[in-house]
Amino acid sequence: MLNCKEASRLVSESLDRSLDLRERLSLKMHLMMCSGCTQFSRQMAHLRAITRSYAAGRFGEADPPADRDEPGQTR
């Protein structure tokens, strides 16, 4: 079972690379039980959407990310 430090590391890494099956399952299980890490995951996804909009020249137009079943993007 992951602790919160490990889970937050995987959330961050999931934004840059595909997690392997073991990492995805461990993270998903942790996020199901931890509201703090779930909120962190949502915030990271939202920040990524904002920075992508900014980089594309759409200032202030970032939509909240759609809910996805990937561990780094869960509800």
PDB file of N, CA and C in Angstrom:
ATOM      1  N   MET A   1       0.848  -1.185   0.000  1.00  0.00           N
ATOM      2  CA  MET A   1       0.000   0.000   0.000  1.00  0.00           C
ATOM      3  C   MET A   1       0.888   1.241   0.000  1.00  0.00           C
ATOM      4  N   LEU A   2       0.539   2.194  -0.841  1.00  0.00           N
ATOM      5  CA  LEU A   2       1.291   3.443  -0.932  1.00  0.00           C
ATOM      6  C   LEU A   2       0.981   4.354   0.248  1.00  0.00           C
ATOM      7  N   ASN A   3       1.975   5.146   0.638  1.00  0.00           N
ATOM      8  CA  ASN A   3       1.677   6.228   1.572  1.00  0.00           C
ATOM      9  C   ASN A   3       1.440   7.483   0.723  1.00  0.00           C
ATOM     10  N   CYS A   4       1.071   8.590   1.365  1.00  0.00           N
ATOM     11  CA  CYS A   4       0.718   9.803   0.625  1.00  0.00           C
ATOM     12  C   CYS A   4       1.902  10.383  -0.140  1.00  0.00           C
ATOM     13  N   LYS A   5       3.085  10.292   0.408  1.00  0.00           N
ATOM     14  CA  LYS A   5       4.265  10.810  -0.284  1.00  0.00           C
ATOM     15  C   LYS A   5       4.497  10.040  -1.585  1.00  0.00           C
ATOM     16  N   GLU A   6       4.397   8.723  -1.529  1.00  0.00           N
ATOM     17  CA  GLU A   6       4.581   7.895  -2.725  1.00  0.00           C
ATOM     18  C   GLU A   6       3.465   8.155  -3.735  1.00  0.00           C
ATOM     19  N   ALA A   7       2.234   8.304  -3.226  1.00  0.00           N
ATOM     20  CA  ALA A   7       1.100   8.552  -4.117  1.00  0.00           C
ATOM     21  C   ALA A   7       1.251   9.886  -4.836  1.00  0.00           C
ATOM     22  N   SER A   8       1.653  10.928  -4.126  1.00  0.00           N
ATOM     23  CA  SER A   8       1.814  12.231  -4.769  1.00  0.00           C
ATOM     24  C   SER A   8       2.932  12.194  -5.808  1.00  0.00           C
ATOM     25  N   ARG A   9       3.977  11.420  -5.552  1.00  0.00           N
ATOM     26  CA  ARG A   9       5.048  11.261  -6.536  1.00  0.00           C
ATOM     27  C   ARG A   9       4.505  10.601  -7.800  1.00  0.00           C
ATOM     28  N   LEU A  10       3.693   9.557  -7.629  1.00  0.00           N
ATOM     29  CA  LEU A  10       3.125   8.870  -8.795  1.00  0.00           C
ATOM     30  C   LEU A  10       2.132   9.754  -9.549  1.00  0.00           C
ATOM     31  N   VAL A  11       1.361  10.550  -8.819  1.00  0.00           N
ATOM     32  CA  VAL A  11       0.441  11.481  -9.486  1.00  0.00           C
ATOM     33  C   VAL A  11       1.238  12.411 -10.383  1.00  0.00           C
ATOM     34  N   SER A  12       2.311  12.962  -9.845  1.00  0.00           N
ATOM     35  CA  SER A  12       3.158  13.869 -10.627  1.00  0.00           C
ATOM     36  C   SER A  12       3.785  13.153 -11.818  1.00  0.00           C
ATOM     37  N   GLU A  13       4.294  11.958 -11.592  1.00  0.00           N
ATOM     38  CA  GLU A  13       4.926  11.205 -12.677  1.00  0.00           C
ATOM     39  C   GLU A  13       3.918  10.805 -13.750  1.00  0.00           C
ATOM     40  N   SER A  14       2.680  10.568 -13.353  1.00  0.00           N
ATOM     41  CA  SER A  14       1.673  10.149 -14.330  1.00  0.00           C
ATOM     42  C   SER A  14       1.361  11.240 -15.337  1.00  0.00           C
ATOM     43  N   LEU A  15       1.706  12.476 -15.010  1.00  0.00           N
ATOM     44  CA  LEU A  15       1.503  13.567 -15.951  1.00  0.00           C
ATOM     45  C   LEU A  15       2.563  13.571 -17.046  1.00  0.00           C
ATOM     46  N   ASP A  16       3.690  12.930 -16.790  1.00  0.00           N
ATOM     47  CA  ASP A  16       4.816  12.944 -17.724  1.00  0.00           C
ATOM     48  C   ASP A  16       5.083  11.611 -18.404  1.00  0.00           C
ATOM     49  N   ARG A  17       4.604  10.531 -17.831  1.00  0.00           N
ATOM     50  CA  ARG A  17       4.865   9.214 -18.405  1.00  0.00           C
ATOM     51  C   ARG A  17       3.717   8.280 -18.063  1.00  0.00           C
ATOM     52  N   SER A  18       3.638   7.186 -18.787  1.00  0.00           N
ATOM     53  CA  SER A  18       2.637   6.165 -18.479  1.00  0.00           C
ATOM     54  C   SER A  18       3.128   5.334 -17.302  1.00  0.00           C
ATOM     55  N   LEU A  19       2.258   5.162 -16.334  1.00  0.00           N
ATOM     56  CA  LEU A  19       2.602   4.321 -15.199  1.00  0.00           C
ATOM     57  C   LEU A  19       2.416   2.862 -15.584  1.00  0.00           C
ATOM     58  N   ASP A  20       3.231   1.993 -14.997  1.00  0.00           N
ATOM     59  CA  ASP A  20       3.040   0.569 -15.273  1.00  0.00           C
ATOM     60  C   ASP A  20       1.818   0.075 -14.499  1.00  0.00           C
ATOM     61  N   LEU A  21       1.408  -1.132 -14.783  1.00  0.00           N
ATOM     62  CA  LEU A  21       0.179  -1.674 -14.206  1.00  0.00           C
ATOM     63  C   LEU A  21       0.204  -1.649 -12.677  1.00  0.00           C
ATOM     64  N   ARG A  22       1.291  -2.074 -12.092  1.00  0.00           N
ATOM     65  CA  ARG A  22       1.401  -2.104 -10.627  1.00  0.00           C
ATOM     66  C   ARG A  22       1.271  -0.702 -10.034  1.00  0.00           C
ATOM     67  N   GLU A  23       1.927   0.270 -10.652  1.00  0.00           N
ATOM     68  CA  GLU A  23       1.845   1.650 -10.171  1.00  0.00           C
ATOM     69  C   GLU A  23       0.421   2.191 -10.298  1.00  0.00           C
ATOM     70  N   ARG A  24      -0.217   1.943 -11.447  1.00  0.00           N
ATOM     71  CA  ARG A  24      -1.585   2.432 -11.660  1.00  0.00           C
ATOM     72  C   ARG A  24      -2.554   1.850 -10.644  1.00  0.00           C
ATOM     73  N   LEU A  25      -2.456   0.545 -10.410  1.00  0.00           N
ATOM     74  CA  LEU A  25      -3.364  -0.099  -9.459  1.00  0.00           C
ATOM     75  C   LEU A  25      -3.119   0.389  -8.039  1.00  0.00           C
ATOM     76  N   SER A  26      -1.866   0.507  -7.653  1.00  0.00           N
ATOM     77  CA  SER A  26      -1.542   0.992  -6.303  1.00  0.00           C
ATOM     78  C   SER A  26      -2.040   2.416  -6.106  1.00  0.00           C
ATOM     79  N   LEU A  27      -1.826   3.254  -7.107  1.00  0.00           N
ATOM     80  CA  LEU A  27      -2.255   4.642  -7.007  1.00  0.00           C
ATOM     81  C   LEU A  27      -3.775   4.737  -6.972  1.00  0.00           C
ATOM     82  N   LYS A  28      -4.426   3.990  -7.833  1.00  0.00           N
ATOM     83  CA  LYS A  28      -5.894   4.019  -7.865  1.00  0.00           C
ATOM     84  C   LYS A  28      -6.476   3.591  -6.514  1.00  0.00           C
ATOM     85  N   MET A  29      -5.916   2.561  -5.922  1.00  0.00           N
ATOM     86  CA  MET A  29      -6.392   2.098  -4.627  1.00  0.00           C
ATOM     87  C   MET A  29      -6.184   3.173  -3.554  1.00  0.00           C
ATOM     88  N   HIS A  30      -5.013   3.812  -3.580  1.00  0.00           N
ATOM     89  CA  HIS A  30      -4.738   4.863  -2.603  1.00  0.00           C
ATOM     90  C   HIS A  30      -5.712   6.030  -2.776  1.00  0.00           C
ATOM     91  N   LEU A  31      -5.944   6.433  -4.029  1.00  0.00           N
ATOM     92  CA  LEU A  31      -6.836   7.561  -4.283  1.00  0.00           C
ATOM     93  C   LEU A  31      -8.276   7.266  -3.879  1.00  0.00           C
ATOM     94  N   MET A  32      -8.670   6.001  -3.923  1.00  0.00           N
ATOM     95  CA  MET A  32     -10.017   5.630  -3.489  1.00  0.00           C
ATOM     96  C   MET A  32     -10.211   5.857  -1.991  1.00  0.00           C
ATOM     97  N   MET A  33      -9.122   5.831  -1.248  1.00  0.00           N
ATOM     98  CA  MET A  33      -9.211   5.942   0.210  1.00  0.00           C
ATOM     99  C   MET A  33      -8.732   7.283   0.758  1.00  0.00           C
ATOM    100  N   CYS A  34      -8.053   8.090  -0.052  1.00  0.00           N
ATOM    101  CA  CYS A  34      -7.417   9.293   0.467  1.00  0.00           C
ATOM    102  C   CYS A  34      -7.948  10.537  -0.239  1.00  0.00           C
ATOM    103  N   SER A  35      -8.754  11.304   0.448  1.00  0.00           N
ATOM    104  CA  SER A  35      -9.331  12.505  -0.164  1.00  0.00           C
ATOM    105  C   SER A  35      -8.276  13.582  -0.405  1.00  0.00           C
ATOM    106  N   GLY A  36      -7.257  13.647   0.430  1.00  0.00           N
ATOM    107  CA  GLY A  36      -6.203  14.638   0.245  1.00  0.00           C
ATOM    108  C   GLY A  36      -5.427  14.404  -1.038  1.00  0.00           C
ATOM    109  N   CYS A  37      -5.052  13.179  -1.295  1.00  0.00           N
ATOM    110  CA  CYS A  37      -4.314  12.850  -2.516  1.00  0.00           C
ATOM    111  C   CYS A  37      -5.211  12.955  -3.745  1.00  0.00           C
ATOM    112  N   THR A  38      -6.490  12.647  -3.587  1.00  0.00           N
ATOM    113  CA  THR A  38      -7.437  12.810  -4.683  1.00  0.00           C
ATOM    114  C   THR A  38      -7.535  14.279  -5.065  1.00  0.00           C
ATOM    115  N   GLN A  39      -7.604  15.149  -4.064  1.00  0.00           N
ATOM    116  CA  GLN A  39      -7.652  16.585  -4.327  1.00  0.00           C
ATOM    117  C   GLN A  39      -6.356  17.055  -4.992  1.00  0.00           C
ATOM    118  N   PHE A  40      -5.221  16.550  -4.517  1.00  0.00           N
ATOM    119  CA  PHE A  40      -3.939  16.890  -5.130  1.00  0.00           C
ATOM    120  C   PHE A  40      -3.923  16.480  -6.603  1.00  0.00           C
ATOM    121  N   SER A  41      -4.435  15.305  -6.904  1.00  0.00           N
ATOM    122  CA  SER A  41      -4.493  14.817  -8.273  1.00  0.00           C
ATOM    123  C   SER A  41      -5.335  15.748  -9.142  1.00  0.00           C
ATOM    124  N   ARG A  42      -6.481  16.181  -8.624  1.00  0.00           N
ATOM    125  CA  ARG A  42      -7.334  17.106  -9.367  1.00  0.00           C
ATOM    126  C   ARG A  42      -6.629  18.443  -9.604  1.00  0.00           C
ATOM    127  N   GLN A  43      -5.959  18.936  -8.580  1.00  0.00           N
ATOM    128  CA  GLN A  43      -5.256  20.208  -8.710  1.00  0.00           C
ATOM    129  C   GLN A  43      -4.145  20.126  -9.751  1.00  0.00           C
ATOM    130  N   MET A  44      -3.401  19.036  -9.749  1.00  0.00           N
ATOM    131  CA  MET A  44      -2.323  18.867 -10.722  1.00  0.00           C
ATOM    132  C   MET A  44      -2.885  18.817 -12.143  1.00  0.00           C
ATOM    133  N   ALA A  45      -3.991  18.115 -12.328  1.00  0.00           N
ATOM    134  CA  ALA A  45      -4.610  18.034 -13.656  1.00  0.00           C
ATOM    135  C   ALA A  45      -5.096  19.412 -14.095  1.00  0.00           C
ATOM    136  N   HIS A  46      -5.649  20.185 -13.170  1.00  0.00           N
ATOM    137  CA  HIS A  46      -6.129  21.516 -13.495  1.00  0.00           C
ATOM    138  C   HIS A  46      -4.960  22.444 -13.845  1.00  0.00           C
ATOM    139  N   LEU A  47      -3.881  22.371 -13.092  1.00  0.00           N
ATOM    140  CA  LEU A  47      -2.697  23.178 -13.395  1.00  0.00           C
ATOM    141  C   LEU A  47      -2.136  22.835 -14.775  1.00  0.00           C
ATOM    142  N   ARG A  48      -2.139  21.568 -15.110  1.00  0.00           N
ATOM    143  CA  ARG A  48      -1.657  21.160 -16.430  1.00  0.00           C
ATOM    144  C   ARG A  48      -2.537  21.756 -17.520  1.00  0.00           C
ATOM    145  N   ALA A  49      -3.855  21.741 -17.337  1.00  0.00           N
ATOM    146  CA  ALA A  49      -4.765  22.330 -18.322  1.00  0.00           C
ATOM    147  C   ALA A  49      -4.528  23.830 -18.460  1.00  0.00           C
ATOM    148  N   ILE A  50      -4.290  24.501 -17.359  1.00  0.00           N
ATOM    149  CA  ILE A  50      -4.033  25.943 -17.389  1.00  0.00           C
ATOM    150  C   ILE A  50      -2.748  26.235 -18.144  1.00  0.00           C
ATOM    151  N   THR A  51      -1.685  25.510 -17.830  1.00  0.00           N
ATOM    152  CA  THR A  51      -0.405  25.782 -18.488  1.00  0.00           C
ATOM    153  C   THR A  51      -0.455  25.449 -19.977  1.00  0.00           C
ATOM    154  N   ARG A  52      -1.193  24.422 -20.352  1.00  0.00           N
ATOM    155  CA  ARG A  52      -1.329  24.106 -21.779  1.00  0.00           C
ATOM    156  C   ARG A  52      -2.095  25.195 -22.509  1.00  0.00           C
ATOM    157  N   SER A  53      -3.142  25.726 -21.879  1.00  0.00           N
ATOM    158  CA  SER A  53      -3.891  26.823 -22.487  1.00  0.00           C
ATOM    159  C   SER A  53      -3.016  28.050 -22.639  1.00  0.00           C
ATOM    160  N   TYR A  54      -2.250  28.347 -21.626  1.00  0.00           N
ATOM    161  CA  TYR A  54      -1.344  29.496 -21.662  1.00  0.00           C
ATOM    162  C   TYR A  54      -0.316  29.328 -22.780  1.00  0.00           C
ATOM    163  N   ALA A  55       0.257  28.138 -22.877  1.00  0.00           N
ATOM    164  CA  ALA A  55       1.267  27.875 -23.909  1.00  0.00           C
ATOM    165  C   ALA A  55       0.669  27.968 -25.309  1.00  0.00           C
ATOM    166  N   ALA A  56      -0.605  27.653 -25.433  1.00  0.00           N
ATOM    167  CA  ALA A  56      -1.275  27.719 -26.734  1.00  0.00           C
ATOM    168  C   ALA A  56      -1.785  29.128 -27.044  1.00  0.00           C
ATOM    169  N   GLY A  57      -1.569  30.068 -26.123  1.00  0.00           N
ATOM    170  CA  GLY A  57      -1.987  31.441 -26.341  1.00  0.00           C
ATOM    171  C   GLY A  57      -3.418  31.728 -25.980  1.00  0.00           C
ATOM    172  N   ARG A  58      -4.059  30.826 -25.283  1.00  0.00           N
ATOM    173  CA  ARG A  58      -5.442  31.015 -24.852  1.00  0.00           C
ATOM    174  C   ARG A  58      -5.452  31.404 -23.375  1.00  0.00           C
ATOM    175  N   PHE A  59      -5.117  32.628 -23.085  1.00  0.00           N
ATOM    176  CA  PHE A  59      -4.997  33.099 -21.702  1.00  0.00           C
ATOM    177  C   PHE A  59      -6.351  33.115 -21.014  1.00  0.00           C
ATOM    178  N   GLY A  60      -6.425  32.463 -19.868  1.00  0.00           N
ATOM    179  CA  GLY A  60      -7.649  32.464 -19.076  1.00  0.00           C
ATOM    180  C   GLY A  60      -8.757  31.605 -19.631  1.00  0.00           C
ATOM    181  N   GLU A  61      -8.477  30.760 -20.600  1.00  0.00           N
ATOM    182  CA  GLU A  61      -9.511  29.940 -21.215  1.00  0.00           C
ATOM    183  C   GLU A  61      -9.444  28.475 -20.817  1.00  0.00           C
ATOM    184  N   ALA A  62      -8.659  28.151 -19.810  1.00  0.00           N
ATOM    185  CA  ALA A  62      -8.490  26.745 -19.426  1.00  0.00           C
ATOM    186  C   ALA A  62      -9.785  26.196 -18.845  1.00  0.00           C
ATOM    187  N   ASP A  63     -10.232  25.114 -19.419  1.00  0.00           N
ATOM    188  CA  ASP A  63     -11.381  24.407 -18.873  1.00  0.00           C
ATOM    189  C   ASP A  63     -10.880  23.398 -17.865  1.00  0.00           C
ATOM    190  N   PRO A  64     -11.665  23.126 -16.833  1.00  0.00           N
ATOM    191  CA  PRO A  64     -11.244  22.051 -15.927  1.00  0.00           C
ATOM    192  C   PRO A  64     -11.099  20.761 -16.705  1.00  0.00           C
ATOM    193  N   PRO A  65     -10.108  19.935 -16.365  1.00  0.00           N
ATOM    194  CA  PRO A  65      -9.905  18.689 -17.102  1.00  0.00           C
ATOM    195  C   PRO A  65     -11.101  17.758 -16.950  1.00  0.00           C
ATOM    196  N   ALA A  66     -11.362  17.038 -18.017  1.00  0.00           N
ATOM    197  CA  ALA A  66     -12.439  16.047 -17.969  1.00  0.00           C
ATOM    198  C   ALA A  66     -12.029  14.917 -17.041  1.00  0.00           C
ATOM    199  N   ASP A  67     -12.996  14.373 -16.321  1.00  0.00           N
ATOM    200  CA  ASP A  67     -12.690  13.231 -15.457  1.00  0.00           C
ATOM    201  C   ASP A  67     -12.321  12.066 -16.324  1.00  0.00           C
ATOM    202  N   ARG A  68     -11.217  11.404 -15.943  1.00  0.00           N
ATOM    203  CA  ARG A  68     -10.708  10.265 -16.679  1.00  0.00           C
ATOM    204  C   ARG A  68     -10.443   9.140 -15.722  1.00  0.00           C
ATOM    205  N   ASP A  69     -10.316   7.968 -16.250  1.00  0.00           N
ATOM    206  CA  ASP A  69     -10.072   6.808 -15.405  1.00  0.00           C
ATOM    207  C   ASP A  69      -8.594   6.556 -15.163  1.00  0.00           C
ATOM    208  N   GLU A  70      -7.702   7.402 -15.695  1.00  0.00           N
ATOM    209  CA  GLU A  70      -6.279   7.226 -15.429  1.00  0.00           C
ATOM    210  C   GLU A  70      -5.998   7.657 -14.003  1.00  0.00           C
ATOM    211  N   PRO A  71      -5.078   6.982 -13.321  1.00  0.00           N
ATOM    212  CA  PRO A  71      -4.825   7.278 -11.920  1.00  0.00           C
ATOM    213  C   PRO A  71      -4.470   8.721 -11.623  1.00  0.00           C
ATOM    214  N   GLY A  72      -3.698   9.356 -12.449  1.00  0.00           N
ATOM    215  CA  GLY A  72      -3.318  10.732 -12.212  1.00  0.00           C
ATOM    216  C   GLY A  72      -4.444  11.702 -12.479  1.00  0.00           C
ATOM    217  N   GLN A  73      -5.556  11.233 -12.998  1.00  0.00           N
ATOM    218  CA  GLN A  73      -6.644  12.094 -13.384  1.00  0.00           C
ATOM    219  C   GLN A  73      -7.971  11.666 -12.787  1.00  0.00           C
ATOM    220  N   THR A  74      -7.981  10.936 -11.746  1.00  0.00           N
ATOM    221  CA  THR A  74      -9.245  10.417 -11.219  1.00  0.00           C
ATOM    222  C   THR A  74     -10.019  11.479 -10.482  1.00  0.00           C
ATOM    223  N   ARG A  75     -11.275  11.190 -10.283  1.00  0.00           N
ATOM    224  CA  ARG A  75     -12.156  12.115  -9.562  1.00  0.00           C
ATOM    225  C   ARG A  75     -11.899  12.075  -8.094  1.00  0.00           C
TER     226      ARG A  75
END
